[in-house]
Amino acid sequence: MMPLLFPDWAAPPGVRAAFTLRSGGASVPPWDSLNLGVHVGDDPLAVAANRRRVAQALSLPAEPCWLAQVHGTGVHEVERVGLATDALGAAPPVADAAVTRSRGAVLAIQVADCLPVLLASDDGAVLGAAHAGWRGLVAGVVERTVERMGHPPARLVGWLGPCIGPQQFEVGEEVREAFLAAGDAPGAFRQSPAGRWLCDLPAIARGRLQRLGVERVAGGEWCTVADPVRFFSHRRDRLTGRMAALLWHDVL
């Protein structure tokens, strides 16, 4: 059975989510083995096989909407639903978040240290997913996603997936200043032994969601850098694969 991580969050009945791990796929080192990214130098046939394995393991109702992520704030609305048969498909939309109101559509966020943020309305009417690396997070990708979902924030629930943890994410003063200028709490940073700053991405994302009015937020406790058995990490390995956070409705 393919190893997967399933969110423990307050999503309503009929909303499903999963996070892929690095094992159980067809890719060879350094992308070993369940690499889902087509942009990292891996054999496209291996990536396609890995995507098919994920679709089969989760009984996905459609091919996930894979995005061309650029560390920005663009939000793509997924309206069309296709069968999960073509694991590579056409050119993906350029965006760092997606929302859908279509039952059967599958949202997908690829990561290898950046923070995946999953969101659902408590009635299951709308789903959202965001790729929140530090650039996208400071620029407002979480806020843009909530805005495009068009639902009262108090009626949303969230989950923060695995990312580079606060013991590993060392940044310069310019990154800290960018977050502080955007209103994020100084408590999300502490000085590193090297005189730089250790940054807590999940704390920042949680704080931003809470300021928007999204109070029910779970997750955020896994560090991709510290666990090479389960997680890909760009910061740790540089040339590596990509995992995915997936979000969809059950199709009755």
Protein backbone atom coordinates (compact mmCIF):
# COMPACT_ATOMS: atom_id res chain seq x y z
CA MET A 1 0.00 0.00 0.00
CA MET A 2 1.31 3.47 -0.90
CA PRO A 3 2.36 5.49 2.19
CA LEU A 4 0.24 8.63 2.49
CA LEU A 5 -0.46 11.30 5.08
CA PHE A 6 -4.14 12.06 5.74
CA PRO A 7 -5.02 15.39 7.38
CA ASP A 8 -6.69 15.31 10.77
CA TRP A 9 -8.84 18.41 10.49
CA ALA A 10 -12.41 19.64 10.77
CA ALA A 11 -13.34 19.21 7.11
CA PRO A 12 -17.04 18.41 6.53
CA PRO A 13 -18.28 15.01 5.37
CA GLY A 14 -17.63 14.44 1.70
CA VAL A 15 -14.42 16.50 1.58
CA ARG A 16 -11.27 14.43 1.23
CA ALA A 17 -7.59 15.35 1.41
CA ALA A 18 -4.24 13.57 1.29
CA PHE A 19 -0.55 14.41 1.24
CA THR A 20 1.83 12.19 -0.72
CA LEU A 21 5.15 11.03 0.71
CA ARG A 22 8.35 10.27 -1.19
CA SER A 23 8.15 6.45 -1.31
CA GLY A 24 6.04 4.10 -3.40
CA GLY A 25 6.88 5.44 -6.85
CA ALA A 26 8.81 4.66 -10.04
CA SER A 27 11.44 7.43 -10.07
CA VAL A 28 15.15 6.69 -9.58
CA PRO A 29 17.59 8.74 -7.44
CA PRO A 30 17.78 11.63 -6.81
CA TRP A 31 14.02 11.82 -7.41
CA ASP A 32 13.34 8.56 -5.59
CA SER A 33 10.71 7.53 -5.70
CA LEU A 34 7.20 9.09 -5.80
CA ASN A 35 8.17 12.33 -7.51
CA LEU A 36 5.12 14.16 -8.89
CA GLY A 37 6.92 17.17 -10.38
CA VAL A 38 7.54 17.40 -14.14
CA HIS A 39 9.86 20.41 -13.80
CA VAL A 40 12.71 18.96 -11.73
CA GLY A 41 14.61 16.93 -14.35
CA ASP A 42 13.01 13.54 -13.75
CA ASP A 43 11.97 11.18 -16.56
CA PRO A 44 8.49 12.33 -17.67
CA LEU A 45 7.38 8.71 -18.05
CA ALA A 46 8.27 8.03 -14.41
CA VAL A 47 6.38 11.15 -13.30
CA ALA A 48 3.35 10.08 -15.32
CA ALA A 49 3.50 6.62 -13.74
CA ASN A 50 3.75 8.16 -10.28
CA ARG A 51 0.74 10.39 -10.90
CA ARG A 52 -1.27 7.39 -12.07
CA ARG A 53 -0.29 5.46 -8.95
CA VAL A 54 -1.50 8.30 -6.73
CA ALA A 55 -4.78 8.58 -8.66
CA GLN A 56 -5.36 4.84 -8.29
CA ALA A 57 -4.34 4.66 -4.63
CA LEU A 58 -6.76 7.45 -3.70
CA SER A 59 -9.49 6.55 -6.22
CA LEU A 60 -9.41 10.14 -7.42
CA PRO A 61 -12.51 11.15 -9.38
CA ALA A 62 -10.49 13.25 -11.85
CA GLU A 63 -6.97 14.13 -12.90
CA PRO A 64 -5.66 16.69 -10.37
CA CYS A 65 -5.36 20.27 -11.54
CA TRP A 66 -1.57 20.52 -11.56
CA LEU A 67 -0.34 24.12 -11.46
CA ALA A 68 2.79 25.78 -12.82
CA GLN A 69 3.76 27.36 -9.49
CA VAL A 70 5.83 30.55 -9.57
CA HIS A 71 5.89 31.69 -5.90
CA GLY A 72 3.24 34.30 -6.61
CA THR A 73 -0.34 35.02 -5.57
CA GLY A 74 -2.32 33.95 -8.64
CA VAL A 75 -5.43 31.86 -7.93
CA HIS A 76 -6.87 29.52 -10.57
CA GLU A 77 -10.55 28.58 -10.43
CA VAL A 78 -11.12 24.96 -11.42
CA GLU A 79 -14.43 24.53 -13.19
CA ARG A 80 -13.96 21.66 -15.64
CA VAL A 81 -13.62 18.11 -14.41
CA GLY A 82 -11.90 15.42 -16.48
CA LEU A 83 -11.25 11.75 -15.86
CA ALA A 84 -7.90 10.88 -14.27
CA THR A 85 -6.50 9.16 -17.35
CA ASP A 86 -3.82 11.51 -18.74
CA ALA A 87 -1.25 11.89 -15.97
CA LEU A 88 0.59 14.77 -17.68
CA GLY A 89 -2.09 16.48 -19.74
CA ALA A 90 -1.97 19.94 -21.33
CA ALA A 91 0.10 22.91 -20.19
CA PRO A 92 -0.87 23.66 -16.56
CA PRO A 93 -2.25 27.03 -15.50
CA VAL A 94 0.30 29.42 -14.02
CA ALA A 95 -0.84 30.02 -10.45
CA ASP A 96 0.07 29.29 -6.84
CA ALA A 97 -3.40 28.54 -5.57
CA ALA A 98 -6.64 27.02 -6.79
CA VAL A 99 -10.26 27.03 -5.72
CA THR A 100 -13.21 24.96 -6.88
CA ARG A 101 -16.93 24.62 -6.39
CA SER A 102 -17.10 21.66 -8.76
CA ARG A 103 -17.77 18.30 -7.18
CA GLY A 104 -15.19 15.87 -8.49
CA ALA A 105 -12.46 18.41 -9.26
CA VAL A 106 -9.13 17.66 -7.56
CA LEU A 107 -6.88 20.49 -6.38
CA ALA A 108 -3.13 19.84 -6.16
CA ILE A 109 -0.27 21.81 -4.58
CA GLN A 110 3.30 20.57 -5.14
CA VAL A 111 5.92 21.13 -2.44
CA ALA A 112 9.39 20.15 -1.30
CA ASP A 113 9.78 22.60 1.65
CA CYS A 114 7.14 25.25 0.88
CA LEU A 115 3.96 25.16 2.95
CA PRO A 116 0.78 23.66 1.46
CA VAL A 117 -2.40 25.25 2.83
CA LEU A 118 -5.72 23.44 2.36
CA LEU A 119 -9.06 25.16 3.01
CA ALA A 120 -12.70 24.06 2.92
CA SER A 121 -15.98 25.71 3.78
CA ASP A 122 -17.77 23.93 6.60
CA ASP A 123 -20.67 23.10 4.28
CA GLY A 124 -18.33 21.65 1.66
CA ALA A 125 -19.46 24.11 -1.00
CA VAL A 126 -16.01 25.46 -1.87
CA LEU A 127 -12.45 24.21 -1.57
CA GLY A 128 -9.15 26.07 -1.77
CA ALA A 129 -5.47 25.14 -1.80
CA ALA A 130 -2.39 27.39 -1.74
CA HIS A 131 1.35 27.00 -2.27
CA ALA A 132 2.83 29.17 0.48
CA GLY A 133 6.57 29.50 0.20
CA TRP A 134 7.91 32.57 1.96
CA ARG A 135 7.61 34.78 -1.14
CA GLY A 136 4.01 33.83 -1.83
CA LEU A 137 3.11 33.95 1.84
CA VAL A 138 4.49 37.44 2.39
CA ALA A 139 2.86 38.64 -0.84
CA GLY A 140 -0.60 37.42 0.24
CA VAL A 141 -1.32 34.09 -1.49
CA VAL A 142 -3.31 32.88 1.53
CA GLU A 143 -5.41 36.05 1.61
CA ARG A 144 -6.05 35.89 -2.15
CA THR A 145 -7.16 32.27 -1.85
CA VAL A 146 -9.62 33.02 0.95
CA GLU A 147 -10.93 36.01 -1.02
CA ARG A 148 -11.50 33.91 -4.16
CA MET A 149 -13.31 31.24 -2.16
CA GLY A 150 -16.01 33.87 -1.55
CA HIS A 151 -17.15 32.35 1.74
CA PRO A 152 -17.26 33.95 5.22
CA PRO A 153 -13.82 33.19 6.74
CA ALA A 154 -15.44 32.09 10.00
CA ARG A 155 -17.08 29.28 8.01
CA LEU A 156 -13.75 27.98 6.67
CA VAL A 157 -11.50 25.28 8.11
CA GLY A 158 -7.82 24.87 7.27
CA TRP A 159 -4.92 22.45 7.33
CA LEU A 160 -1.20 23.22 7.13
CA GLY A 161 0.88 20.45 5.61
CA PRO A 162 4.53 19.46 5.91
CA CYS A 163 7.09 22.17 5.16
CA ILE A 164 10.55 23.29 6.21
CA GLY A 165 10.29 23.64 9.98
CA PRO A 166 11.18 26.50 12.33
CA GLN A 167 14.37 24.73 13.43
CA GLN A 168 15.63 24.56 9.83
CA PHE A 169 14.37 27.58 7.89
CA GLU A 170 17.19 30.09 8.23
CA VAL A 171 16.61 33.42 6.48
CA GLY A 172 18.24 36.81 6.24
CA GLU A 173 17.17 40.10 7.77
CA GLU A 174 15.49 41.14 4.51
CA VAL A 175 13.02 38.23 4.74
CA ARG A 176 12.19 38.99 8.35
CA GLU A 177 11.69 42.67 7.55
CA ALA A 178 9.38 41.81 4.66
CA PHE A 179 7.13 39.78 6.95
CA LEU A 180 7.18 42.37 9.75
CA ALA A 181 6.31 45.12 7.26
CA ALA A 182 3.31 43.01 6.19
CA GLY A 183 2.09 42.82 9.80
CA ASP A 184 3.34 39.39 10.81
CA ALA A 185 4.34 38.77 14.42
CA PRO A 186 8.00 39.09 15.48
CA GLY A 187 7.47 35.94 17.54
CA ALA A 188 7.58 33.89 14.33
CA PHE A 189 11.33 34.58 14.20
CA ARG A 190 14.22 33.83 16.51
CA GLN A 191 17.92 34.40 16.00
CA SER A 192 20.04 31.53 14.73
CA PRO A 193 23.53 30.69 16.02
CA ALA A 194 24.89 32.16 12.77
CA GLY A 195 23.31 35.53 13.53
CA ARG A 196 20.53 35.13 10.96
CA TRP A 197 16.88 34.30 11.65
CA LEU A 198 14.93 31.06 12.00
CA CYS A 199 11.48 31.50 10.46
CA ASP A 200 8.30 29.64 11.47
CA LEU A 201 6.23 29.45 8.26
CA PRO A 202 3.30 27.54 9.82
CA ALA A 203 3.01 30.12 12.63
CA ILE A 204 2.92 32.94 10.08
CA ALA A 205 0.29 31.19 7.94
CA ARG A 206 -1.81 30.36 11.00
CA GLY A 207 -1.60 33.97 12.16
CA ARG A 208 -2.66 35.29 8.79
CA LEU A 209 -5.62 32.91 8.62
CA GLN A 210 -6.68 33.90 12.13
CA ARG A 211 -6.49 37.60 11.25
CA LEU A 212 -8.80 36.87 8.33
CA GLY A 213 -11.21 35.11 10.69
CA VAL A 214 -10.28 31.48 9.93
CA GLU A 215 -9.97 30.09 13.46
CA ARG A 216 -10.12 26.32 12.87
CA VAL A 217 -6.65 25.53 11.52
CA ALA A 218 -4.93 22.17 12.09
CA GLY A 219 -1.56 20.72 11.12
CA GLY A 220 1.78 22.41 10.68
CA GLU A 221 3.87 20.06 12.83
CA TRP A 222 6.02 18.24 10.22
CA CYS A 223 9.47 19.34 9.04
CA THR A 224 10.43 18.20 5.54
CA VAL A 225 14.15 18.88 6.05
CA ALA A 226 14.40 16.80 9.24
CA ASP A 227 12.73 13.66 7.84
CA PRO A 228 14.52 12.41 4.69
CA VAL A 229 12.76 9.04 4.86
CA ARG A 230 9.28 10.47 4.32
CA PHE A 231 9.78 13.87 2.69
CA PHE A 232 11.50 15.49 -0.26
CA SER A 233 13.38 18.69 0.69
CA HIS A 234 14.88 21.19 -1.72
CA ARG A 235 16.75 22.95 1.07
CA ARG A 236 18.34 19.67 2.19
CA ASP A 237 19.00 17.97 -1.17
CA ARG A 238 18.66 20.68 -3.87
CA LEU A 239 17.98 18.22 -6.72
CA THR A 240 14.95 16.29 -5.53
CA GLY A 241 11.33 15.38 -6.21
CA ARG A 242 8.02 17.00 -5.31
CA MET A 243 5.18 15.82 -3.09
CA ALA A 244 1.57 16.95 -3.41
CA ALA A 245 -1.24 18.06 -1.14
CA LEU A 246 -4.52 16.97 -2.76
CA LEU A 247 -8.05 18.16 -1.99
CA TRP A 248 -11.36 17.06 -3.51
CA HIS A 249 -15.03 16.24 -2.94
CA ASP A 250 -16.34 12.73 -2.87
CA VAL A 251 -18.45 12.00 -5.94
CA LEU A 252 -21.65 10.22 -4.96
